[in-house]
C-alpha atoms as a PDB file:
ATOM      1  CA  MET A   1      20.254  -4.645 -19.256  1.00  0.00           C
ATOM      2  CA  ILE A   2      19.383  -1.109 -20.646  1.00  0.00           C
ATOM      3  CA  THR A   3      21.671   1.681 -20.677  1.00  0.00           C
ATOM      4  CA  CYS A   4      20.403   5.319 -20.266  1.00  0.00           C
ATOM      5  CA  PRO A   5      21.178   7.290 -23.292  1.00  0.00           C
ATOM      6  CA  LYS A   6      21.555  10.517 -21.148  1.00  0.00           C
ATOM      7  CA  CYS A   7      23.646   9.557 -18.257  1.00  0.00           C
ATOM      8  CA  SER A   8      24.869   5.906 -19.036  1.00  0.00           C
ATOM      9  CA  HIS A   9      23.299   4.365 -16.084  1.00  0.00           C
ATOM     10  CA  VAL A  10      22.452   0.826 -16.246  1.00  0.00           C
ATOM     11  CA  GLU A  11      18.774  -0.564 -15.604  1.00  0.00           C
ATOM     12  CA  TYR A  12      16.931  -3.811 -15.668  1.00  0.00           C
ATOM     13  CA  GLU A  13      15.381  -4.709 -19.254  1.00  0.00           C
ATOM     14  CA  GLY A  14      11.863  -3.493 -19.067  1.00  0.00           C
ATOM     15  CA  THR A  15      12.499  -0.409 -16.858  1.00  0.00           C
ATOM     16  CA  LEU A  16      10.841   2.668 -18.634  1.00  0.00           C
ATOM     17  CA  PHE A  17      12.493   5.514 -17.040  1.00  0.00           C
ATOM     18  CA  CYS A  18      16.188   5.853 -15.642  1.00  0.00           C
ATOM     19  CA  SER A  19      16.421   5.756 -11.836  1.00  0.00           C
ATOM     20  CA  GLU A  20      19.329   8.260 -11.925  1.00  0.00           C
ATOM     21  CA  CYS A  21      18.163  11.095 -14.219  1.00  0.00           C
ATOM     22  CA  GLY A  22      14.640  10.104 -14.983  1.00  0.00           C
ATOM     23  CA  ALA A  23      15.099   9.817 -18.786  1.00  0.00           C
ATOM     24  CA  ARG A  24      12.832   7.737 -20.881  1.00  0.00           C
ATOM     25  CA  LEU A  25      14.444   4.389 -21.846  1.00  0.00           C
ATOM     26  CA  TRP A  26      12.400   3.380 -24.731  1.00  0.00           C
ATOM     27  CA  ASP A  27      11.850   4.952 -28.204  1.00  0.00           C
ATOM     28  CA  ASP A  28       8.318   4.056 -29.077  1.00  0.00           C
ATOM     29  CA  PRO A  29       6.233   7.296 -30.056  1.00  0.00           C
ATOM     30  CA  ALA A  30       3.059   5.159 -30.563  1.00  0.00           C
ATOM     31  CA  ALA A  31       3.232   4.556 -26.672  1.00  0.00           C
ATOM     32  CA  ASP A  32       2.568   8.122 -25.954  1.00  0.00           C
ATOM     33  CA  SER A  33      -0.961   8.072 -28.112  1.00  0.00           C
ATOM     34  CA  THR A  34      -3.874   6.568 -27.363  1.00  0.00           C
ATOM     35  CA  ALA A  35      -4.601   3.510 -29.924  1.00  0.00           C
ATOM     36  CA  ASN A  36      -7.302   4.123 -32.416  1.00  0.00           C
ATOM     37  CA  LEU A  37      -9.888   1.197 -33.080  1.00  0.00           C
ATOM     38  CA  ASP A  38     -11.169   0.642 -36.672  1.00  0.00           C
ATOM     39  CA  SER A  39     -15.092   0.267 -36.695  1.00  0.00           C
ATOM     40  CA  LYS A  40     -15.035  -3.372 -37.437  1.00  0.00           C
ATOM     41  CA  THR A  41     -13.006  -3.849 -34.230  1.00  0.00           C
ATOM     42  CA  LEU A  42     -15.323  -1.539 -32.529  1.00  0.00           C
ATOM     43  CA  ARG A  43     -18.424  -3.516 -33.613  1.00  0.00           C
ATOM     44  CA  GLU A  44     -17.021  -6.868 -32.446  1.00  0.00           C
ATOM     45  CA  ILE A  45     -16.248  -5.278 -29.132  1.00  0.00           C
ATOM     46  CA  GLU A  46     -19.803  -3.918 -28.790  1.00  0.00           C
ATOM     47  CA  GLN A  47     -21.263  -7.180 -29.662  1.00  0.00           C
ATOM     48  CA  HIS A  48     -19.727  -9.111 -26.838  1.00  0.00           C
ATOM     49  CA  THR A  49     -19.993  -6.252 -24.111  1.00  0.00           C
ATOM     50  CA  VAL A  50     -22.890  -4.716 -22.279  1.00  0.00           C
ATOM     51  CA  ILE A  51     -21.416  -1.247 -21.809  1.00  0.00           C
ATOM     52  CA  VAL A  52     -23.326   1.203 -19.820  1.00  0.00           C
ATOM     53  CA  PRO A  53     -22.412   4.493 -20.865  1.00  0.00           C
ATOM     54  CA  GLY A  54     -21.345   7.039 -18.399  1.00  0.00           C
ATOM     55  CA  ARG A  55     -21.828   4.771 -15.631  1.00  0.00           C
ATOM     56  CA  THR A  56     -19.664   5.878 -12.687  1.00  0.00           C
ATOM     57  CA  THR A  57     -20.346   3.160 -10.080  1.00  0.00           C
ATOM     58  CA  LEU A  58     -19.700  -0.463 -10.182  1.00  0.00           C
ATOM     59  CA  SER A  59     -22.305  -2.789  -9.074  1.00  0.00           C
ATOM     60  CA  LYS A  60     -21.248  -6.400  -7.833  1.00  0.00           C
ATOM     61  CA  GLY A  61     -17.795  -5.867  -9.093  1.00  0.00           C
ATOM     62  CA  LYS A  62     -18.473  -6.699 -12.554  1.00  0.00           C
ATOM     63  CA  ILE A  63     -15.645  -4.951 -14.904  1.00  0.00           C
ATOM     64  CA  ALA A  64     -14.057  -5.568 -18.096  1.00  0.00           C
ATOM     65  CA  PHE A  65     -10.542  -4.749 -19.782  1.00  0.00           C
ATOM     66  CA  ARG A  66      -9.537  -4.376 -23.361  1.00  0.00           C
ATOM     67  CA  VAL A  67      -5.902  -4.355 -23.842  1.00  0.00           C
ATOM     68  CA  HIS A  68      -4.675  -2.059 -26.626  1.00  0.00           C
ATOM     69  CA  GLY A  69      -3.733  -3.965 -29.895  1.00  0.00           C
ATOM     70  CA  THR A  70      -5.916  -6.938 -29.129  1.00  0.00           C
ATOM     71  CA  THR A  71      -9.801  -7.705 -29.341  1.00  0.00           C
ATOM     72  CA  ASP A  72      -9.317  -9.733 -26.012  1.00  0.00           C
ATOM     73  CA  GLN A  73     -12.012  -8.593 -23.393  1.00  0.00           C
ATOM     74  CA  ILE A  74     -11.034  -9.837 -19.922  1.00  0.00           C
ATOM     75  CA  ARG A  75     -13.975  -9.862 -17.555  1.00  0.00           C
ATOM     76  CA  LEU A  76     -13.594  -9.552 -13.727  1.00  0.00           C
ATOM     77  CA  GLU A  77     -16.808  -9.875 -11.427  1.00  0.00           C
ATOM     78  CA  GLY A  78     -17.712 -10.835  -8.007  1.00  0.00           C
ATOM     79  CA  LYS A  79     -15.120  -9.056  -5.688  1.00  0.00           C
ATOM     80  CA  THR A  80     -14.709  -5.462  -4.401  1.00  0.00           C
ATOM     81  CA  GLU A  81     -10.972  -5.456  -5.305  1.00  0.00           C
ATOM     82  CA  TYR A  82      -8.787  -6.665  -8.112  1.00  0.00           C
ATOM     83  CA  LEU A  83      -5.012  -6.940  -8.209  1.00  0.00           C
ATOM     84  CA  LEU A  84      -3.513  -5.964 -11.685  1.00  0.00           C
ATOM     85  CA  GLY A  85       0.013  -7.413 -12.303  1.00  0.00           C
ATOM     86  CA  ARG A  86       1.872 -10.204 -13.416  1.00  0.00           C
ATOM     87  CA  ARG A  87       1.847 -13.780 -12.112  1.00  0.00           C
ATOM     88  CA  ASP A  88       4.927 -15.107 -10.177  1.00  0.00           C
ATOM     89  CA  PRO A  89       4.504 -18.534  -8.752  1.00  0.00           C
ATOM     90  CA  LYS A  90       7.830 -18.328  -7.227  1.00  0.00           C
ATOM     91  CA  HIS A  91       6.700 -15.739  -4.622  1.00  0.00           C
ATOM     92  CA  ASN A  92       2.963 -16.846  -4.781  1.00  0.00           C
ATOM     93  CA  ILE A  93       1.908 -13.563  -6.615  1.00  0.00           C
ATOM     94  CA  VAL A  94      -1.533 -14.470  -8.507  1.00  0.00           C
ATOM     95  CA  PRO A  95      -2.985 -11.311  -9.639  1.00  0.00           C
ATOM     96  CA  ASP A  96      -6.948 -11.074 -10.711  1.00  0.00           C
ATOM     97  CA  LEU A  97      -5.795  -9.395 -13.821  1.00  0.00           C
ATOM     98  CA  ASP A  98      -2.544 -11.280 -15.047  1.00  0.00           C
ATOM     99  CA  LEU A  99      -1.096  -9.199 -17.782  1.00  0.00           C
ATOM    100  CA  SER A 100       1.930 -11.813 -18.473  1.00  0.00           C
ATOM    101  CA  ALA A 101       0.131 -13.099 -21.661  1.00  0.00           C
ATOM    102  CA  TYR A 102       0.244  -9.557 -22.984  1.00  0.00           C
ATOM    103  CA  ASN A 103       4.099  -9.302 -22.879  1.00  0.00           C
ATOM    104  CA  GLY A 104       3.601  -7.505 -19.394  1.00  0.00           C
ATOM    105  CA  GLN A 105       7.411  -7.762 -18.463  1.00  0.00           C
ATOM    106  CA  LYS A 106       8.517  -6.095 -21.439  1.00  0.00           C
ATOM    107  CA  GLN A 107       5.710  -3.425 -21.167  1.00  0.00           C
ATOM    108  CA  GLY A 108       6.922  -2.738 -17.636  1.00  0.00           C
ATOM    109  CA  VAL A 109       3.995  -4.333 -15.685  1.00  0.00           C
ATOM    110  CA  SER A 110       5.013  -5.043 -12.016  1.00  0.00           C
ATOM    111  CA  ARG A 111       3.982  -8.077 -10.350  1.00  0.00           C
ATOM    112  CA  ARG A 112       1.876  -6.336  -7.909  1.00  0.00           C
ATOM    113  CA  HIS A 113       1.268  -3.115  -9.905  1.00  0.00           C
ATOM    114  CA  ALA A 114      -2.087  -1.589  -9.086  1.00  0.00           C
ATOM    115  CA  VAL A 115      -5.455  -2.610  -7.557  1.00  0.00           C
ATOM    116  CA  VAL A 116      -9.028  -1.462  -8.698  1.00  0.00           C
ATOM    117  CA  ARG A 117     -11.298  -1.246  -6.040  1.00  0.00           C
ATOM    118  CA  ARG A 118     -14.735  -0.066  -5.247  1.00  0.00           C
ATOM    119  CA  ASP A 119     -15.816   1.891  -2.430  1.00  0.00           C
ATOM    120  CA  GLU A 120     -18.240   4.588  -1.454  1.00  0.00           C
ATOM    121  CA  ARG A 121     -16.665   7.074  -3.895  1.00  0.00           C
ATOM    122  CA  GLY A 122     -17.100   4.717  -6.790  1.00  0.00           C
ATOM    123  CA  LEU A 123     -14.305   2.744  -8.804  1.00  0.00           C
ATOM    124  CA  LEU A 124     -10.819   3.656  -7.969  1.00  0.00           C
ATOM    125  CA  ILE A 125      -7.406   2.628  -9.116  1.00  0.00           C
ATOM    126  CA  VAL A 126      -4.293   2.928  -6.892  1.00  0.00           C
ATOM    127  CA  ASP A 127      -0.681   2.344  -8.073  1.00  0.00           C
ATOM    128  CA  LEU A 128       1.083   0.077  -5.651  1.00  0.00           C
ATOM    129  CA  GLY A 129       4.341   1.962  -5.944  1.00  0.00           C
ATOM    130  CA  SER A 130       5.236  -0.071  -9.059  1.00  0.00           C
ATOM    131  CA  ALA A 131       8.287   0.579 -10.935  1.00  0.00           C
ATOM    132  CA  ASN A 132       7.194   2.130 -14.062  1.00  0.00           C
ATOM    133  CA  GLY A 133       3.934   3.857 -13.070  1.00  0.00           C
ATOM    134  CA  THR A 134       0.216   3.933 -13.772  1.00  0.00           C
ATOM    135  CA  GLY A 135      -1.574   6.401 -15.764  1.00  0.00           C
ATOM    136  CA  VAL A 136      -5.365   7.033 -16.433  1.00  0.00           C
ATOM    137  CA  ASN A 137      -6.075   9.194 -19.453  1.00  0.00           C
ATOM    138  CA  GLY A 138      -2.646  10.565 -19.581  1.00  0.00           C
ATOM    139  CA  ILE A 139      -2.665  11.689 -16.085  1.00  0.00           C
ATOM    140  CA  THR A 140       0.509   9.796 -14.116  1.00  0.00           C
ATOM    141  CA  LEU A 141      -0.682   8.717 -10.673  1.00  0.00           C
ATOM    142  CA  THR A 142       1.042   9.385  -7.300  1.00  0.00           C
ATOM    143  CA  ALA A 143       1.826   5.965  -5.580  1.00  0.00           C
ATOM    144  CA  ASN A 144      -0.645   4.694  -3.112  1.00  0.00           C
ATOM    145  CA  GLU A 145      -3.176   7.626  -3.776  1.00  0.00           C
ATOM    146  CA  PRO A 146      -6.622   6.467  -4.873  1.00  0.00           C
ATOM    147  CA  PHE A 147      -7.848   7.950  -8.384  1.00  0.00           C
ATOM    148  CA  ARG A 148     -11.660   7.621  -9.631  1.00  0.00           C
ATOM    149  CA  LEU A 149     -12.218   5.619 -12.546  1.00  0.00           C
ATOM    150  CA  ARG A 150     -14.992   6.171 -15.282  1.00  0.00           C
ATOM    151  CA  ASP A 151     -16.499   3.784 -17.740  1.00  0.00           C
ATOM    152  CA  GLY A 152     -14.036   3.809 -20.875  1.00  0.00           C
ATOM    153  CA  ASP A 153     -10.864   5.166 -19.211  1.00  0.00           C
ATOM    154  CA  GLU A 154      -7.707   4.434 -20.641  1.00  0.00           C
ATOM    155  CA  ILE A 155      -5.334   2.741 -17.951  1.00  0.00           C
ATOM    156  CA  ARG A 156      -1.562   2.339 -18.560  1.00  0.00           C
ATOM    157  CA  LEU A 157       0.479   0.150 -16.447  1.00  0.00           C
ATOM    158  CA  GLY A 158       3.974   0.975 -17.511  1.00  0.00           C
ATOM    159  CA  LYS A 159       3.758   0.915 -21.335  1.00  0.00           C
ATOM    160  CA  LEU A 160       0.701  -1.538 -21.457  1.00  0.00           C
ATOM    161  CA  ALA A 161      -2.415   0.307 -22.149  1.00  0.00           C
ATOM    162  CA  MET A 162      -6.033  -0.848 -21.831  1.00  0.00           C
ATOM    163  CA  ASN A 163      -9.518   0.476 -21.263  1.00  0.00           C
ATOM    164  CA  ILE A 164     -11.990  -0.490 -18.526  1.00  0.00           C
ATOM    165  CA  TYR A 165     -15.578  -0.982 -18.924  1.00  0.00           C
ATOM    166  CA  PHE A 166     -18.257  -1.157 -16.421  1.00  0.00           C
ATOM    167  CA  LEU A 167     -20.773  -4.068 -17.109  1.00  0.00           C
ATOM    168  CA  ALA A 168     -24.320  -4.044 -16.892  1.00  0.00           C
ATOM    169  CA  ASP A 169     -25.800  -6.507 -14.184  1.00  0.00           C
END
C-alpha cells in the first residue's frame, strides 16, 4: 500500500495519483520527460523497422511499439483494433499488447488500459477509464474519448512510456 504524502490517504501499490486529493504518489523526475535515445540505439531500431515518416493512416493494421528504456519492438498487425494492457488469465483478459513483461503493474498499466483502433479518421487511441490515465505527447486523454495518433507519437499508460510507429506494407 502507498500513503499519500499530502493527505495520508492509503492507495494500492502501483497507483499514480491519490484518489482523495489528486497528489502525485511517485517521485521519479525522469517519468515526466521523454527518454532520449543514443545514436547507436536509433540505428538499431532503424535497421529492424520500416517507418513511413509522417504517415497518418494505417493500412492493414500494421503498427509497432517501442517501450522506453528497451530496444524491444513489438509489432502488431492484421486487426483494426488492439487492446493495450496487462494479461490476467484469472479474469480471461488477454490484451493484444501485453505490457506485463515491462513491469506494467508497477508502472500503473491497467489490465484493460486503452485501445488503438483504425477508422475513417485514421489511427486513434482511447483510454478505457484506466486507473492511472493515458497520455499522448504530454497531453492527458479524457476517458472514452478518441485521440488521433501520428507516426512516432509518445504514448504513456500510467508511467510506462512508449512510441508508436506505422509500418509500411
